[in-house]
Amino acid sequence: MKKFVLGLLLVLTAGLFSCKQNDLNEVHIYLPDGTPALAMASVLDKGFVYEETTTYFHLVQASEIAARISQQDCDLAIVPMTVASTLFNKGIDIQLASVNVFGNLFIAGTRELKRLEDLKGKVVYTTVGTTIDMLKYLLEQNEIEYAFGAEAEEGKVTLSSKNDGSEIIPLLKAAANKNQEAYGVLGEPQVTKATQLIDNLVISFDLQEEYRKITGFDGYPQAGLVVKSEFASDHSAYLQALLSALLSNETYLLENTESLPEVFKRYNSSLQAMTFTTDTIRRCNIRLAESKNIKEEVQTYLSALTGNTVADSFFWTVKK
């Protein structure tokens, strides 16, 4: 009798596990509005089909994405790498599935500059967060002193923080109209927008190239796809299928530049107001690398910008 009961329990347990693996009615994926959303443009447009599962995509303000990850209905999200690592190190049970954005920052201005040293004695407008952290890192590695404020200081680069790139573009335009010097760090697709609004705007520095000169890596892991650890364990086949679908996203972006605003209009995204060219897309540096293949790049980037790294369990891989 005991053997019969034990056998029955084993059968029931196996059945429940099988149901858990396959019974996936809906999946909710959150994306921050802006460049990171381009990492899923192809599936935002065409949808993602996986068996009987319905996948819902939610675009939210970038400032909300960290809080959304902690919500019960969020299964996956595109997240800045520094945010993902901070949440992971605080005990949030997430893993990195892939890196999808490899840096999209440039310094544009009303004058052409040749070297980062040429920024000494000038004010550079920059947004807060990873943008200013990256600029500080590059300046430090090039032994260039910097200060914070609104007035230029001799021998130093003065960093003037703004909330968003949309605040920087008018400042550059006003300076251009007065034939004055002004410089700002902008991310694509705002770089393209700025060049359309400001005559003779010069893109002097590609921060991804400056980072490569220091680390040897082709760009930096700016943002990636994170997944709740329980979801990754229970539904690894779904996750693998999604990553496979996203492999063609880079090609999709290059082939559909004109229709991208219409795609994002359906999601009430700020990207609907942007103009995309093939140069814009290339400067966005959207591609996919599975996390298991890019551990060193992620750890180097996190150490440079935050001073911290992550445990190996942060990197998702299919359990065999």
Protein backbone atom coordinates (compact mmCIF):
# COMPACT_ATOMS: atom_id res chain seq x y z
CA MET A 1 0.00 0.00 0.00
CA LYS A 2 2.81 2.39 0.92
CA LYS A 3 4.54 1.68 -2.39
CA PHE A 4 1.29 2.38 -4.25
CA VAL A 5 0.80 5.73 -2.47
CA LEU A 6 4.42 6.72 -3.08
CA GLY A 7 4.11 5.83 -6.75
CA LEU A 8 0.90 7.84 -7.06
CA LEU A 9 2.55 10.88 -5.46
CA LEU A 10 5.44 10.67 -7.90
CA VAL A 11 3.08 10.54 -10.86
CA LEU A 12 1.07 13.50 -9.56
CA THR A 13 4.23 15.52 -8.89
CA ALA A 14 5.55 14.85 -12.38
CA GLY A 15 2.21 15.88 -13.83
CA LEU A 16 2.15 19.11 -11.88
CA PHE A 17 5.70 19.94 -12.99
CA SER A 18 4.77 19.30 -16.62
CA CYS A 19 1.76 21.59 -16.32
CA LYS A 20 3.93 24.29 -14.76
CA GLN A 21 6.30 24.13 -17.71
CA ASN A 22 3.59 24.30 -20.36
CA ASP A 23 0.63 26.15 -18.83
CA LEU A 24 1.71 29.68 -19.69
CA ASN A 25 -1.36 31.73 -20.56
CA GLU A 26 0.16 35.19 -20.70
CA VAL A 27 3.49 36.95 -20.34
CA HIS A 28 4.05 40.62 -19.50
CA ILE A 29 7.16 42.40 -20.77
CA TYR A 30 7.98 45.95 -19.68
CA LEU A 31 10.16 48.37 -21.64
CA PRO A 32 11.35 51.88 -20.78
CA ASP A 33 10.19 54.41 -23.34
CA GLY A 34 13.09 55.58 -25.49
CA THR A 35 16.04 53.93 -27.19
CA PRO A 36 15.88 50.67 -25.15
CA ALA A 37 12.43 50.00 -26.61
CA LEU A 38 14.09 49.65 -30.03
CA ALA A 39 15.55 46.39 -28.73
CA MET A 40 12.13 44.81 -29.21
CA ALA A 41 10.82 46.79 -32.19
CA SER A 42 10.28 43.73 -34.38
CA VAL A 43 8.08 41.92 -31.86
CA LEU A 44 6.32 45.16 -30.91
CA ASP A 45 5.34 45.42 -34.56
CA LYS A 46 4.59 41.82 -35.47
CA GLY A 47 3.89 40.34 -32.06
CA PHE A 48 5.50 37.27 -30.57
CA VAL A 49 3.80 33.91 -30.98
CA TYR A 50 4.65 31.06 -28.65
CA GLU A 51 2.27 28.12 -28.47
CA GLU A 52 -0.96 29.28 -26.75
CA THR A 53 0.72 32.08 -24.81
CA THR A 54 -0.31 35.72 -25.22
CA THR A 55 2.54 38.19 -24.78
CA TYR A 56 1.75 41.73 -23.65
CA PHE A 57 4.21 44.60 -24.09
CA HIS A 58 4.06 47.63 -21.80
CA LEU A 59 6.03 50.84 -22.46
CA VAL A 60 6.53 52.95 -19.34
CA GLN A 61 8.56 55.97 -18.32
CA ALA A 62 12.24 55.14 -17.84
CA SER A 63 12.03 56.29 -14.22
CA GLU A 64 9.37 53.64 -13.53
CA ILE A 65 11.11 50.56 -14.85
CA ALA A 66 12.89 49.57 -11.62
CA ALA A 67 9.64 49.63 -9.67
CA ARG A 68 7.82 47.67 -12.36
CA ILE A 69 10.25 44.76 -12.07
CA SER A 70 9.13 44.20 -8.50
CA GLN A 71 5.48 43.95 -9.51
CA GLN A 72 3.90 40.52 -9.68
CA ASP A 73 2.71 40.81 -13.28
CA CYS A 74 6.15 41.71 -14.68
CA ASP A 75 7.88 38.65 -16.10
CA LEU A 76 10.61 40.28 -18.20
CA ALA A 77 11.89 43.80 -18.76
CA ILE A 78 14.49 45.77 -20.67
CA VAL A 79 16.53 47.50 -17.98
CA PRO A 80 19.69 49.65 -17.77
CA MET A 81 22.52 47.38 -16.69
CA THR A 82 23.41 49.47 -13.66
CA VAL A 83 19.79 49.32 -12.46
CA ALA A 84 19.57 45.57 -13.03
CA SER A 85 22.78 44.92 -11.10
CA THR A 86 21.69 47.16 -8.21
CA LEU A 87 18.35 45.35 -7.91
CA PHE A 88 20.08 41.96 -8.10
CA ASN A 89 22.61 42.91 -5.42
CA LYS A 90 19.74 44.09 -3.20
CA GLY A 91 18.16 40.66 -3.36
CA ILE A 92 15.61 41.05 -6.16
CA ASP A 93 15.37 37.61 -7.77
CA ILE A 94 16.17 38.44 -11.39
CA GLN A 95 18.66 37.26 -13.99
CA LEU A 96 20.14 38.77 -17.12
CA ALA A 97 19.01 36.94 -20.25
CA SER A 98 20.70 39.12 -22.87
CA VAL A 99 22.36 42.44 -23.57
CA ASN A 100 20.48 44.41 -26.23
CA VAL A 101 21.81 47.98 -26.18
CA PHE A 102 25.55 48.59 -26.52
CA GLY A 103 25.75 52.35 -26.06
CA ASN A 104 24.23 55.26 -27.96
CA LEU A 105 25.93 58.34 -26.51
CA PHE A 106 27.66 61.13 -28.42
CA ILE A 107 29.01 64.59 -27.67
CA ALA A 108 27.63 67.14 -30.10
CA GLY A 109 28.36 70.84 -30.23
CA THR A 110 28.53 74.03 -32.20
CA ARG A 111 32.28 73.65 -32.77
CA GLU A 112 34.35 70.69 -33.89
CA LEU A 113 36.70 69.19 -31.31
CA LYS A 114 39.38 66.60 -31.97
CA ARG A 115 40.30 65.21 -28.55
CA LEU A 116 38.55 64.87 -25.20
CA GLU A 117 41.22 67.21 -23.80
CA ASP A 118 39.73 69.93 -26.00
CA LEU A 119 36.71 69.99 -23.66
CA LYS A 120 38.83 71.60 -20.93
CA GLY A 121 37.61 75.08 -20.11
CA LYS A 122 34.16 74.34 -21.54
CA VAL A 123 30.71 73.48 -20.18
CA VAL A 124 29.20 70.17 -21.29
CA TYR A 125 25.49 69.59 -20.79
CA THR A 126 24.68 66.04 -19.77
CA THR A 127 21.81 64.06 -18.34
CA VAL A 128 22.02 62.35 -14.96
CA GLY A 129 22.40 58.63 -14.30
CA THR A 130 24.50 56.39 -16.52
CA THR A 131 25.15 59.19 -19.03
CA ILE A 132 27.04 61.42 -16.62
CA ASP A 133 28.66 58.36 -15.00
CA MET A 134 30.02 57.24 -18.36
CA LEU A 135 31.35 60.71 -19.16
CA LYS A 136 33.01 60.96 -15.75
CA TYR A 137 34.63 57.55 -16.24
CA LEU A 138 36.02 58.51 -19.65
CA LEU A 139 37.38 61.80 -18.35
CA GLU A 140 38.99 60.10 -15.35
CA GLN A 141 40.61 57.44 -17.52
CA ASN A 142 42.05 60.20 -19.70
CA GLU A 143 43.25 62.09 -16.60
CA ILE A 144 41.01 65.06 -17.33
CA GLU A 145 39.70 66.97 -14.33
CA TYR A 146 36.03 67.90 -14.18
CA ALA A 147 33.77 70.04 -12.03
CA PHE A 148 30.03 70.54 -11.68
CA GLY A 149 28.19 73.76 -12.37
CA ALA A 150 27.06 76.20 -15.03
CA GLU A 151 30.23 78.26 -15.49
CA ALA A 152 33.37 77.15 -17.30
CA GLU A 153 36.55 76.60 -15.28
CA GLU A 154 40.02 76.85 -16.74
CA GLY A 155 41.72 73.47 -17.09
CA LYS A 156 38.58 71.51 -16.22
CA VAL A 157 35.50 70.17 -17.98
CA THR A 158 32.41 71.59 -16.31
CA LEU A 159 29.47 69.17 -16.25
CA SER A 160 26.04 70.78 -16.20
CA SER A 161 23.29 68.25 -15.44
CA LYS A 162 19.87 68.29 -17.09
CA ASN A 163 16.92 65.96 -16.61
CA ASP A 164 16.59 64.90 -20.23
CA GLY A 165 18.15 65.32 -23.64
CA SER A 166 15.12 67.36 -24.68
CA GLU A 167 16.44 70.10 -22.35
CA ILE A 168 19.89 70.04 -23.95
CA ILE A 169 18.85 70.47 -27.58
CA PRO A 170 17.31 73.96 -27.08
CA LEU A 171 20.48 75.09 -25.28
CA LEU A 172 22.61 73.97 -28.21
CA LYS A 173 20.25 75.62 -30.67
CA ALA A 174 20.26 78.92 -28.77
CA ALA A 175 24.06 78.92 -28.73
CA ALA A 176 24.22 78.14 -32.44
CA ASN A 177 21.87 81.02 -33.23
CA LYS A 178 24.23 83.37 -31.37
CA ASN A 179 27.35 81.78 -32.89
CA GLN A 180 28.47 80.71 -29.41
CA GLU A 181 30.15 77.54 -28.20
CA ALA A 182 28.02 74.86 -26.56
CA TYR A 183 28.36 71.11 -26.11
CA GLY A 184 26.09 68.36 -24.89
CA VAL A 185 25.92 64.60 -24.47
CA LEU A 186 22.98 63.20 -26.42
CA GLY A 187 21.79 59.69 -27.10
CA GLU A 188 20.32 58.50 -30.36
CA PRO A 189 17.73 59.09 -31.73
CA GLN A 190 17.98 62.56 -30.15
CA VAL A 191 21.28 63.12 -31.94
CA THR A 192 19.48 62.82 -35.27
CA LYS A 193 16.74 65.15 -34.05
CA ALA A 194 19.31 67.73 -32.95
CA THR A 195 21.13 67.67 -36.30
CA GLN A 196 17.81 68.35 -38.03
CA LEU A 197 17.01 71.31 -35.78
CA ILE A 198 20.46 72.90 -35.51
CA ASP A 199 22.45 74.00 -38.54
CA ASN A 200 26.07 72.85 -38.64
CA LEU A 201 25.85 70.84 -35.42
CA VAL A 202 29.01 68.73 -35.10
CA ILE A 203 29.23 65.27 -33.56
CA SER A 204 32.75 65.34 -32.16
CA PHE A 205 32.90 62.27 -29.94
CA ASP A 206 31.46 58.78 -30.06
CA LEU A 207 31.55 57.71 -26.40
CA GLN A 208 31.38 54.05 -27.39
CA GLU A 209 34.61 54.48 -29.35
CA GLU A 210 36.23 56.30 -26.42
CA TYR A 211 35.21 53.38 -24.19
CA ARG A 212 36.70 50.91 -26.68
CA LYS A 213 40.04 52.74 -26.57
CA ILE A 214 40.17 52.09 -22.81
CA THR A 215 38.69 48.60 -22.47
CA GLY A 216 39.08 47.03 -25.90
CA PHE A 217 35.37 46.14 -25.95
CA ASP A 218 33.08 47.03 -28.86
CA GLY A 219 30.64 49.33 -27.08
CA TYR A 220 29.37 48.72 -23.56
CA PRO A 221 26.40 46.74 -22.18
CA GLN A 222 24.12 49.68 -21.52
CA ALA A 223 20.83 47.79 -21.20
CA GLY A 224 19.55 44.26 -21.39
CA LEU A 225 16.65 41.88 -20.96
CA VAL A 226 16.14 40.69 -17.39
CA VAL A 227 13.79 37.93 -16.32
CA LYS A 228 12.32 36.85 -13.01
CA SER A 229 14.39 33.86 -11.91
CA GLU A 230 11.34 31.70 -11.21
CA PHE A 231 9.95 32.46 -14.67
CA ALA A 232 13.28 31.60 -16.29
CA SER A 233 13.38 28.30 -14.46
CA ASP A 234 9.76 27.34 -15.16
CA HIS A 235 9.54 28.62 -18.74
CA SER A 236 13.02 28.42 -20.23
CA ALA A 237 11.62 27.28 -23.59
CA TYR A 238 9.61 30.50 -23.91
CA LEU A 239 12.67 32.56 -23.06
CA GLN A 240 14.81 30.74 -25.62
CA ALA A 241 12.14 31.25 -28.27
CA LEU A 242 11.94 34.97 -27.50
CA LEU A 243 15.70 35.41 -27.75
CA SER A 244 15.70 33.55 -31.05
CA ALA A 245 12.99 35.87 -32.38
CA LEU A 246 14.98 38.94 -31.32
CA LEU A 247 18.06 37.86 -33.26
CA SER A 248 16.49 39.36 -36.39
CA ASN A 249 15.59 42.65 -34.68
CA GLU A 250 18.73 44.47 -35.83
CA THR A 251 17.97 43.66 -39.47
CA TYR A 252 14.32 44.60 -38.96
CA LEU A 253 15.33 48.04 -37.66
CA LEU A 254 17.58 48.78 -40.63
CA GLU A 255 14.93 47.67 -43.12
CA ASN A 256 12.00 49.53 -41.54
CA THR A 257 13.32 52.96 -40.58
CA GLU A 258 10.43 54.86 -42.17
CA SER A 259 7.69 52.83 -40.49
CA LEU A 260 9.17 52.81 -36.98
CA PRO A 261 7.34 55.97 -35.82
CA GLU A 262 4.01 54.33 -36.72
CA VAL A 263 4.94 51.20 -34.77
CA PHE A 264 5.70 53.21 -31.66
CA LYS A 265 2.63 55.39 -32.11
CA ARG A 266 0.56 52.29 -31.35
CA TYR A 267 2.23 52.19 -27.94
CA ASN A 268 1.98 55.95 -27.31
CA SER A 269 5.78 56.11 -27.22
CA SER A 270 7.90 59.24 -27.47
CA LEU A 271 9.70 57.50 -30.35
CA GLN A 272 6.73 58.23 -32.59
CA ALA A 273 8.03 61.80 -32.90
CA MET A 274 11.51 60.74 -33.97
CA THR A 275 12.97 60.47 -37.45
CA PHE A 276 14.98 57.32 -38.07
CA THR A 277 17.66 56.78 -40.69
CA THR A 278 20.02 53.86 -41.14
CA ASP A 279 22.75 56.01 -39.55
CA THR A 280 20.47 56.65 -36.57
CA ILE A 281 19.86 52.96 -36.09
CA ARG A 282 23.54 52.08 -36.40
CA ARG A 283 24.40 54.71 -33.79
CA CYS A 284 21.80 53.21 -31.43
CA ASN A 285 23.96 50.05 -31.29
CA ILE A 286 21.05 47.66 -30.93
CA ARG A 287 22.01 44.00 -31.17
CA LEU A 288 21.64 40.86 -29.08
CA ALA A 289 24.21 38.95 -27.08
CA GLU A 290 23.16 36.21 -24.69
CA SER A 291 24.33 36.96 -21.18
CA LYS A 292 26.36 33.75 -20.87
CA ASN A 293 28.58 35.00 -23.72
CA ILE A 294 29.20 38.50 -22.42
CA LYS A 295 30.01 38.14 -18.73
CA GLU A 296 33.41 39.85 -18.86
CA GLU A 297 32.02 42.88 -20.70
CA VAL A 298 29.21 43.26 -18.16
CA GLN A 299 31.49 42.93 -15.14
CA THR A 300 33.98 45.42 -16.60
CA TYR A 301 31.22 47.94 -17.32
CA LEU A 302 29.65 47.61 -13.87
CA SER A 303 33.01 47.92 -12.14
CA ALA A 304 33.81 51.05 -14.15
CA LEU A 305 30.52 52.84 -13.54
CA THR A 306 29.40 51.57 -10.13
CA GLY A 307 32.49 50.10 -8.49
CA ASN A 308 30.58 46.84 -8.00
CA THR A 309 30.16 43.56 -9.84
CA VAL A 310 27.58 40.75 -9.70
CA ALA A 311 27.63 37.08 -8.78
CA ASP A 312 27.74 34.54 -11.59
CA SER A 313 24.12 33.58 -10.84
CA PHE A 314 23.09 36.93 -12.34
CA PHE A 315 23.76 35.50 -15.80
CA TRP A 316 20.96 33.25 -17.02
CA THR A 317 21.77 30.10 -18.89
CA VAL A 318 19.68 27.10 -19.84
CA LYS A 319 20.03 24.36 -17.25
CA LYS A 320 20.90 21.04 -18.83
